[in-house]
């Protein structure tokens, strides 16, 4: 996993200021046991390529991204239904 993919996933999940929200999202998924968040210095090192991103992060991100996609799809359906109701 590259820092570029980490940043792309982070932006997809949380926008331009993605590091802290992603650290919080990954914390409960840590393989050594849930935690509140990944430490910020560690997240920064991953993002800057100064430290290798552990193998467990990739599947955790896949799950988070699929959940985000489903949430966005649901929100889009609700917005479309509201727009339809307003045009009647």
C-alpha atoms as a PDB file:
ATOM      1  CA  UNK A   1       0.000   0.000   0.000  1.00  0.00           C
ATOM      2  CA  UNK A   2       1.357   3.402  -0.930  1.00  0.00           C
ATOM      3  CA  UNK A   3       1.000   6.758   0.799  1.00  0.00           C
ATOM      4  CA  UNK A   4      -0.843   7.960  -2.308  1.00  0.00           C
ATOM      5  CA  UNK A   5      -3.483   5.227  -1.959  1.00  0.00           C
ATOM      6  CA  UNK A   6      -3.785   5.985   1.744  1.00  0.00           C
ATOM      7  CA  UNK A   7      -4.397   9.654   0.961  1.00  0.00           C
ATOM      8  CA  UNK A   8      -6.878   8.814  -1.806  1.00  0.00           C
ATOM      9  CA  UNK A   9      -8.843   6.571   0.538  1.00  0.00           C
ATOM     10  CA  UNK A  10      -8.633   9.141   3.320  1.00  0.00           C
ATOM     11  CA  UNK A  11      -9.988  11.919   1.098  1.00  0.00           C
ATOM     12  CA  UNK A  12     -12.808   9.654  -0.113  1.00  0.00           C
ATOM     13  CA  UNK A  13     -13.757   8.906   3.473  1.00  0.00           C
ATOM     14  CA  UNK A  14     -13.279  12.272   5.151  1.00  0.00           C
ATOM     15  CA  UNK A  15     -12.392  15.039   2.706  1.00  0.00           C
ATOM     16  CA  UNK A  16      -9.230  17.113   2.498  1.00  0.00           C
ATOM     17  CA  UNK A  17      -8.511  17.030   6.243  1.00  0.00           C
ATOM     18  CA  UNK A  18      -8.561  13.259   6.314  1.00  0.00           C
ATOM     19  CA  UNK A  19      -5.709  12.244   8.630  1.00  0.00           C
ATOM     20  CA  UNK A  20      -7.385  12.583  12.030  1.00  0.00           C
ATOM     21  CA  UNK A  21     -10.775  11.147  10.931  1.00  0.00           C
ATOM     22  CA  UNK A  22      -9.010   8.236   9.266  1.00  0.00           C
ATOM     23  CA  UNK A  23      -6.911   7.630  12.381  1.00  0.00           C
ATOM     24  CA  UNK A  24     -10.133   7.485  14.391  1.00  0.00           C
ATOM     25  CA  UNK A  25     -11.831   5.176  11.896  1.00  0.00           C
ATOM     26  CA  UNK A  26      -8.894   2.763  11.820  1.00  0.00           C
ATOM     27  CA  UNK A  27      -8.387   2.665  15.591  1.00  0.00           C
ATOM     28  CA  UNK A  28     -11.242   0.249  16.371  1.00  0.00           C
ATOM     29  CA  UNK A  29     -10.068  -2.009  13.516  1.00  0.00           C
ATOM     30  CA  UNK A  30      -6.493  -2.443  14.768  1.00  0.00           C
ATOM     31  CA  UNK A  31      -5.556  -6.138  14.743  1.00  0.00           C
ATOM     32  CA  UNK A  32      -3.975  -5.958  18.205  1.00  0.00           C
ATOM     33  CA  UNK A  33      -7.255  -4.791  19.652  1.00  0.00           C
ATOM     34  CA  UNK A  34      -9.536  -1.806  19.326  1.00  0.00           C
ATOM     35  CA  UNK A  35      -8.276   1.591  20.303  1.00  0.00           C
ATOM     36  CA  UNK A  36      -9.679   5.097  20.116  1.00  0.00           C
ATOM     37  CA  UNK A  37      -7.455   6.016  17.197  1.00  0.00           C
ATOM     38  CA  UNK A  38      -4.148   5.423  15.482  1.00  0.00           C
ATOM     39  CA  UNK A  39      -1.545   7.779  16.922  1.00  0.00           C
ATOM     40  CA  UNK A  40      -1.255  10.950  14.853  1.00  0.00           C
ATOM     41  CA  UNK A  41       2.538  10.808  14.459  1.00  0.00           C
ATOM     42  CA  UNK A  42       2.228   7.275  13.091  1.00  0.00           C
ATOM     43  CA  UNK A  43      -0.521   8.292  10.665  1.00  0.00           C
ATOM     44  CA  UNK A  44       1.677  11.171   9.480  1.00  0.00           C
ATOM     45  CA  UNK A  45       4.625   8.847   8.945  1.00  0.00           C
ATOM     46  CA  UNK A  46       2.448   6.523   6.868  1.00  0.00           C
ATOM     47  CA  UNK A  47       1.135   9.442   4.824  1.00  0.00           C
ATOM     48  CA  UNK A  48       4.631  10.804   4.194  1.00  0.00           C
ATOM     49  CA  UNK A  49       6.087   7.417   3.301  1.00  0.00           C
ATOM     50  CA  UNK A  50       8.398   7.523   6.315  1.00  0.00           C
ATOM     51  CA  UNK A  51       6.984   4.313   7.722  1.00  0.00           C
ATOM     52  CA  UNK A  52       5.559   1.286   5.939  1.00  0.00           C
ATOM     53  CA  UNK A  53       1.779   1.025   6.080  1.00  0.00           C
ATOM     54  CA  UNK A  54       0.894  -2.291   7.767  1.00  0.00           C
ATOM     55  CA  UNK A  55      -0.844  -4.996   5.753  1.00  0.00           C
ATOM     56  CA  UNK A  56      -4.001  -4.846   7.886  1.00  0.00           C
ATOM     57  CA  UNK A  57      -4.732  -1.274   6.776  1.00  0.00           C
ATOM     58  CA  UNK A  58      -5.630  -2.183   3.177  1.00  0.00           C
ATOM     59  CA  UNK A  59      -8.570  -4.517   3.989  1.00  0.00           C
ATOM     60  CA  UNK A  60      -9.704  -2.158   6.746  1.00  0.00           C
ATOM     61  CA  UNK A  61      -9.823   0.684   4.215  1.00  0.00           C
ATOM     62  CA  UNK A  62     -11.698  -1.471   1.716  1.00  0.00           C
ATOM     63  CA  UNK A  63     -14.394  -2.128   4.312  1.00  0.00           C
ATOM     64  CA  UNK A  64     -14.585   1.535   5.327  1.00  0.00           C
ATOM     65  CA  UNK A  65     -14.784   2.664   1.703  1.00  0.00           C
ATOM     66  CA  UNK A  66     -17.548   0.196   0.835  1.00  0.00           C
ATOM     67  CA  UNK A  67     -19.520   1.334   3.877  1.00  0.00           C
ATOM     68  CA  UNK A  68     -19.027   4.971   2.851  1.00  0.00           C
ATOM     69  CA  UNK A  69     -20.192   4.173  -0.678  1.00  0.00           C
ATOM     70  CA  UNK A  70     -23.326   2.492   0.673  1.00  0.00           C
ATOM     71  CA  UNK A  71     -24.019   5.434   2.985  1.00  0.00           C
ATOM     72  CA  UNK A  72     -23.624   7.901   0.097  1.00  0.00           C
ATOM     73  CA  UNK A  73     -25.875   5.790  -2.119  1.00  0.00           C
ATOM     74  CA  UNK A  74     -28.546   5.746   0.577  1.00  0.00           C
ATOM     75  CA  UNK A  75     -28.231   9.518   1.061  1.00  0.00           C
ATOM     76  CA  UNK A  76     -28.521  10.050  -2.699  1.00  0.00           C
ATOM     77  CA  UNK A  77     -31.694   7.941  -2.796  1.00  0.00           C
ATOM     78  CA  UNK A  78     -33.163   9.989   0.050  1.00  0.00           C
ATOM     79  CA  UNK A  79     -32.257  13.247  -1.680  1.00  0.00           C
ATOM     80  CA  UNK A  80     -33.831  12.069  -4.943  1.00  0.00           C
ATOM     81  CA  UNK A  81     -36.998  10.994  -3.139  1.00  0.00           C
ATOM     82  CA  UNK A  82     -37.205  14.384  -1.391  1.00  0.00           C
ATOM     83  CA  UNK A  83     -36.692  16.192  -4.702  1.00  0.00           C
ATOM     84  CA  UNK A  84     -39.411  14.074  -6.314  1.00  0.00           C
ATOM     85  CA  UNK A  85     -41.785  14.833  -3.443  1.00  0.00           C
ATOM     86  CA  UNK A  86     -41.149  18.556  -3.789  1.00  0.00           C
ATOM     87  CA  UNK A  87     -41.912  18.528  -7.512  1.00  0.00           C
ATOM     88  CA  UNK A  88     -45.333  16.909  -7.129  1.00  0.00           C
END
